[in-house]
N, C-alpha and C. Protein backbone atom coordinates (compact mmCIF):
# COMPACT_ATOMS: atom_id res chain seq x y z
N MET A 1 0.74 -1.25 -0.04
CA MET A 1 0.00 0.01 -0.10
C MET A 1 0.94 1.32 0.04
N VAL A 2 1.81 1.25 0.94
CA VAL A 2 2.79 2.56 1.06
C VAL A 2 3.63 2.59 -0.16
N ALA A 3 4.11 1.44 -0.62
CA ALA A 3 4.99 1.31 -1.96
C ALA A 3 4.04 1.99 -3.09
N GLY A 4 2.84 1.52 -3.21
CA GLY A 4 2.05 1.99 -4.23
C GLY A 4 1.91 3.53 -4.37
N LEU A 5 1.68 4.07 -2.97
CA LEU A 5 1.59 5.46 -2.85
C LEU A 5 2.73 6.14 -3.34
N ASP A 6 3.88 5.58 -2.92
CA ASP A 6 5.11 6.26 -3.28
C ASP A 6 5.27 6.21 -4.73
N LEU A 7 5.01 5.24 -5.39
CA LEU A 7 5.03 5.05 -6.85
C LEU A 7 4.31 6.21 -7.43
N PHE A 8 2.98 6.37 -7.02
CA PHE A 8 2.07 7.36 -7.50
C PHE A 8 2.54 8.77 -7.46
N TYR A 9 3.21 9.09 -6.21
CA TYR A 9 3.69 10.31 -6.07
C TYR A 9 4.90 10.60 -6.92
N LEU A 10 5.63 9.57 -7.11
CA LEU A 10 6.83 9.79 -8.00
C LEU A 10 6.42 9.83 -9.47
N PHE A 11 5.32 9.34 -9.96
CA PHE A 11 4.72 9.43 -11.16
C PHE A 11 4.27 10.89 -11.48
N VAL A 12 3.44 11.39 -10.41
CA VAL A 12 2.97 12.60 -10.46
C VAL A 12 4.18 13.80 -10.60
N GLU A 13 5.20 13.50 -9.64
CA GLU A 13 6.29 14.50 -9.68
C GLU A 13 6.95 14.55 -11.02
N ASN A 14 7.15 13.36 -11.70
CA ASN A 14 7.85 13.21 -12.98
C ASN A 14 7.02 13.83 -14.03
N VAL A 15 5.59 13.55 -14.00
CA VAL A 15 4.74 14.22 -15.00
C VAL A 15 4.83 15.79 -15.05
N PHE A 16 4.64 16.44 -13.68
CA PHE A 16 4.58 17.83 -13.48
C PHE A 16 5.98 18.36 -13.87
N GLY A 17 7.06 17.58 -13.43
CA GLY A 17 8.44 17.95 -13.79
C GLY A 17 8.64 18.19 -15.29
N SER A 18 8.07 17.16 -16.19
CA SER A 18 8.34 17.34 -17.53
C SER A 18 7.56 18.40 -18.12
N ILE A 19 6.27 18.53 -17.67
CA ILE A 19 5.30 19.72 -17.99
C ILE A 19 6.19 21.05 -17.78
N LEU A 20 6.70 21.14 -16.51
CA LEU A 20 7.47 22.30 -16.19
C LEU A 20 8.38 22.56 -17.10
N LEU A 21 9.30 21.61 -17.36
CA LEU A 21 10.45 21.80 -18.30
C LEU A 21 10.10 22.11 -19.55
N ALA A 22 9.06 21.31 -20.33
CA ALA A 22 8.53 21.65 -21.52
C ALA A 22 7.98 23.01 -21.78
N GLY A 23 7.24 23.44 -20.69
CA GLY A 23 6.76 24.78 -20.70
C GLY A 23 7.71 25.82 -20.52
N LEU A 24 8.83 25.58 -19.83
CA LEU A 24 9.97 26.55 -19.79
C LEU A 24 10.65 26.54 -21.14
N GLY A 25 10.81 25.44 -21.61
CA GLY A 25 11.44 25.54 -23.19
C GLY A 25 10.62 26.29 -24.14
N PHE A 26 9.30 26.00 -24.18
CA PHE A 26 8.54 26.57 -25.16
C PHE A 26 8.48 28.22 -24.89
N THR A 27 8.45 28.45 -23.65
CA THR A 27 8.34 29.93 -23.30
C THR A 27 9.71 30.60 -23.77
N ILE A 28 10.81 29.99 -23.57
CA ILE A 28 12.05 30.51 -24.09
C ILE A 28 12.05 30.71 -25.78
N PHE A 29 11.69 29.45 -26.16
CA PHE A 29 11.53 29.56 -27.63
C PHE A 29 10.56 30.65 -28.20
N PHE A 30 9.43 30.76 -27.56
CA PHE A 30 8.55 31.80 -28.27
C PHE A 30 9.14 33.19 -27.83
N LEU A 31 9.83 33.29 -26.74
CA LEU A 31 10.46 34.72 -26.34
C LEU A 31 11.42 35.02 -27.57
N VAL A 32 12.22 34.02 -27.67
CA VAL A 32 13.41 34.37 -28.75
C VAL A 32 12.79 34.63 -30.23
N ILE A 33 11.76 33.95 -30.63
CA ILE A 33 11.16 34.23 -32.03
C ILE A 33 10.38 35.56 -31.73
N GLY A 34 9.81 36.01 -30.66
CA GLY A 34 9.13 37.26 -30.44
C GLY A 34 10.05 38.30 -30.55
N MET A 35 11.18 38.13 -29.90
CA MET A 35 12.23 39.38 -30.16
C MET A 35 12.76 39.49 -31.55
N MET A 36 12.76 38.33 -32.34
CA MET A 36 13.31 38.48 -33.75
C MET A 36 12.24 38.94 -34.72
N SER A 37 11.05 38.68 -34.40
CA SER A 37 9.92 38.85 -35.47
C SER A 37 9.13 40.20 -35.20
N ARG A 38 8.51 40.61 -36.32
CA ARG A 38 7.84 41.90 -36.15
C ARG A 38 6.52 41.94 -35.14
N MET A 39 6.03 40.59 -35.28
CA MET A 39 4.75 40.32 -34.40
C MET A 39 5.16 40.02 -32.97
N SER A 40 6.25 40.83 -32.43
CA SER A 40 6.66 40.40 -31.06
C SER A 40 5.59 40.39 -29.95
N THR A 41 4.65 41.42 -30.06
CA THR A 41 3.65 41.28 -29.04
C THR A 41 2.85 40.11 -28.78
N THR A 42 2.52 39.51 -30.00
CA THR A 42 1.86 38.26 -30.02
C THR A 42 2.69 37.09 -29.34
N PHE A 43 3.90 37.13 -29.60
CA PHE A 43 4.74 35.95 -29.21
C PHE A 43 5.09 36.14 -27.64
N LEU A 44 5.25 37.54 -27.37
CA LEU A 44 5.41 37.86 -25.69
C LEU A 44 4.18 37.41 -25.09
N ILE A 45 3.02 37.60 -25.61
CA ILE A 45 1.68 37.25 -24.92
C ILE A 45 1.77 35.69 -24.70
N MET A 46 2.15 34.95 -25.85
CA MET A 46 2.13 33.55 -25.92
C MET A 46 3.19 33.02 -24.85
N ALA A 47 4.36 33.67 -24.81
CA ALA A 47 5.39 33.27 -23.85
C ALA A 47 4.89 33.30 -22.41
N ILE A 48 4.32 34.51 -22.22
CA ILE A 48 3.98 34.75 -20.91
C ILE A 48 2.70 33.94 -20.40
N GLY A 49 1.90 33.56 -21.32
CA GLY A 49 0.77 32.57 -21.10
C GLY A 49 1.22 31.18 -20.85
N LEU A 50 2.20 30.68 -21.55
CA LEU A 50 2.80 29.48 -21.33
C LEU A 50 3.61 29.28 -20.00
N PHE A 51 4.30 30.51 -19.70
CA PHE A 51 5.10 30.50 -18.43
C PHE A 51 3.93 30.34 -17.27
N VAL A 52 2.98 31.23 -17.36
CA VAL A 52 1.90 31.19 -16.30
C VAL A 52 1.25 29.73 -16.23
N MET A 53 0.98 29.17 -17.40
CA MET A 53 0.38 27.95 -17.39
C MET A 53 1.17 26.74 -16.81
N THR A 54 2.48 26.94 -17.28
CA THR A 54 3.38 25.98 -16.75
C THR A 54 3.63 26.03 -15.29
N PHE A 55 3.69 27.19 -14.51
CA PHE A 55 3.76 27.16 -13.23
C PHE A 55 2.53 26.83 -12.49
N THR A 56 1.31 27.27 -13.00
CA THR A 56 0.02 26.93 -12.39
C THR A 56 -0.22 25.59 -12.56
N ILE A 57 0.07 24.81 -13.52
CA ILE A 57 -0.20 23.33 -13.57
C ILE A 57 0.91 22.60 -12.68
N GLY A 58 2.00 23.13 -12.89
CA GLY A 58 3.17 22.50 -12.13
C GLY A 58 3.09 22.41 -10.65
N TYR A 59 2.61 23.50 -10.10
CA TYR A 59 2.66 23.77 -8.63
C TYR A 59 1.18 23.59 -7.97
N ILE A 60 0.10 24.45 -8.70
CA ILE A 60 -1.28 24.57 -7.98
C ILE A 60 -2.19 23.70 -8.63
N GLY A 61 -1.83 23.63 -10.06
CA GLY A 61 -3.03 22.86 -10.70
C GLY A 61 -4.30 23.69 -11.00
N ALA A 62 -4.12 24.97 -11.01
CA ALA A 62 -5.21 25.78 -11.23
C ALA A 62 -5.82 25.91 -12.46
N VAL A 63 -7.16 26.06 -12.59
CA VAL A 63 -7.88 26.06 -13.77
C VAL A 63 -7.60 27.53 -14.64
N ALA A 64 -7.36 28.48 -13.93
CA ALA A 64 -6.96 29.81 -14.43
C ALA A 64 -5.71 29.75 -15.31
N GLY A 65 -4.75 28.98 -14.92
CA GLY A 65 -3.52 28.96 -15.63
C GLY A 65 -3.78 28.10 -16.96
N ILE A 66 -4.65 27.07 -16.88
CA ILE A 66 -4.90 26.37 -18.11
C ILE A 66 -5.69 27.31 -19.24
N ILE A 67 -6.69 28.09 -18.65
CA ILE A 67 -7.52 28.94 -19.57
C ILE A 67 -6.56 30.01 -20.02
N PHE A 68 -5.68 30.66 -19.17
CA PHE A 68 -4.88 31.78 -19.74
C PHE A 68 -3.92 31.17 -20.78
N GLY A 69 -3.27 30.02 -20.42
CA GLY A 69 -2.43 29.35 -21.49
C GLY A 69 -3.11 29.09 -22.77
N ALA A 70 -4.31 28.55 -22.78
CA ALA A 70 -5.02 28.13 -23.93
C ALA A 70 -5.40 29.41 -24.70
N VAL A 71 -5.71 30.63 -24.14
CA VAL A 71 -5.96 31.69 -24.77
C VAL A 71 -4.77 32.30 -25.45
N ALA A 72 -3.64 32.25 -24.72
CA ALA A 72 -2.31 32.83 -25.13
C ALA A 72 -1.89 31.99 -26.31
N LEU A 73 -2.09 30.67 -26.32
CA LEU A 73 -1.67 29.62 -27.23
C LEU A 73 -2.34 29.96 -28.64
N TYR A 74 -3.94 30.18 -28.44
CA TYR A 74 -4.50 30.44 -29.62
C TYR A 74 -4.19 31.62 -30.40
N TYR A 75 -3.90 32.81 -29.54
CA TYR A 75 -3.51 33.98 -30.09
C TYR A 75 -2.25 33.82 -30.70
N GLY A 76 -1.33 33.14 -29.99
CA GLY A 76 0.13 32.91 -30.39
C GLY A 76 0.31 32.16 -31.85
N ILE A 77 -0.71 31.00 -31.89
CA ILE A 77 -0.73 30.20 -33.16
C ILE A 77 -1.18 30.96 -34.26
N SER A 78 -2.27 31.69 -33.97
CA SER A 78 -2.93 32.55 -34.93
C SER A 78 -1.86 33.53 -35.57
N GLY A 79 -1.24 34.28 -34.59
CA GLY A 79 -0.17 35.20 -35.00
C GLY A 79 0.98 34.48 -35.60
N PHE A 80 1.31 33.43 -35.28
CA PHE A 80 2.40 32.70 -35.85
C PHE A 80 2.15 32.34 -37.25
N ILE A 81 0.81 31.92 -37.76
CA ILE A 81 0.39 31.54 -39.04
C ILE A 81 0.36 32.90 -39.78
N GLY A 82 -0.04 33.98 -39.16
CA GLY A 82 -0.05 35.36 -39.84
C GLY A 82 1.29 35.87 -40.23
N TRP A 83 2.24 35.55 -39.36
CA TRP A 83 3.59 36.10 -39.43
C TRP A 83 4.17 35.31 -40.64
N ILE A 84 4.00 33.99 -40.62
CA ILE A 84 4.64 33.00 -41.74
C ILE A 84 4.00 33.54 -43.09
N LEU A 85 2.56 33.72 -43.23
CA LEU A 85 1.98 34.25 -44.34
C LEU A 85 2.59 35.62 -44.73
N SER A 86 2.89 36.42 -43.84
CA SER A 86 3.46 37.87 -44.25
C SER A 86 4.86 37.67 -44.73
N MET A 87 5.51 36.70 -44.19
CA MET A 87 6.93 36.49 -44.45
C MET A 87 6.86 35.89 -45.88
N ARG A 88 5.93 35.00 -46.28
CA ARG A 88 5.86 34.68 -47.74
C ARG A 88 5.48 35.58 -48.69
N GLY A 89 4.72 36.56 -48.27
CA GLY A 89 4.21 37.63 -49.22
C GLY A 89 5.23 38.65 -49.59
N THR A 90 6.27 38.75 -48.67
CA THR A 90 7.37 39.71 -49.02
C THR A 90 8.48 39.00 -49.80
């Protein structure tokens, strides 16, 4: 029983740890793209959203972080597609 709980907590810590690392990685990625591109505000919003989502999922598991992250992801992806299309046009 105790060993099973230990394994469960280890699994949860590993999942949250990987979410945290992935979120930080994506945050840095979008921050770098945002600094390089003309649509910097969209990417900065996306990076901040991912950063908030990462920490709220990783530590609190709050719904607000997921909602904020999803909104930022939507705006970021639509902005990214627009940025690619504008790059192709020039």
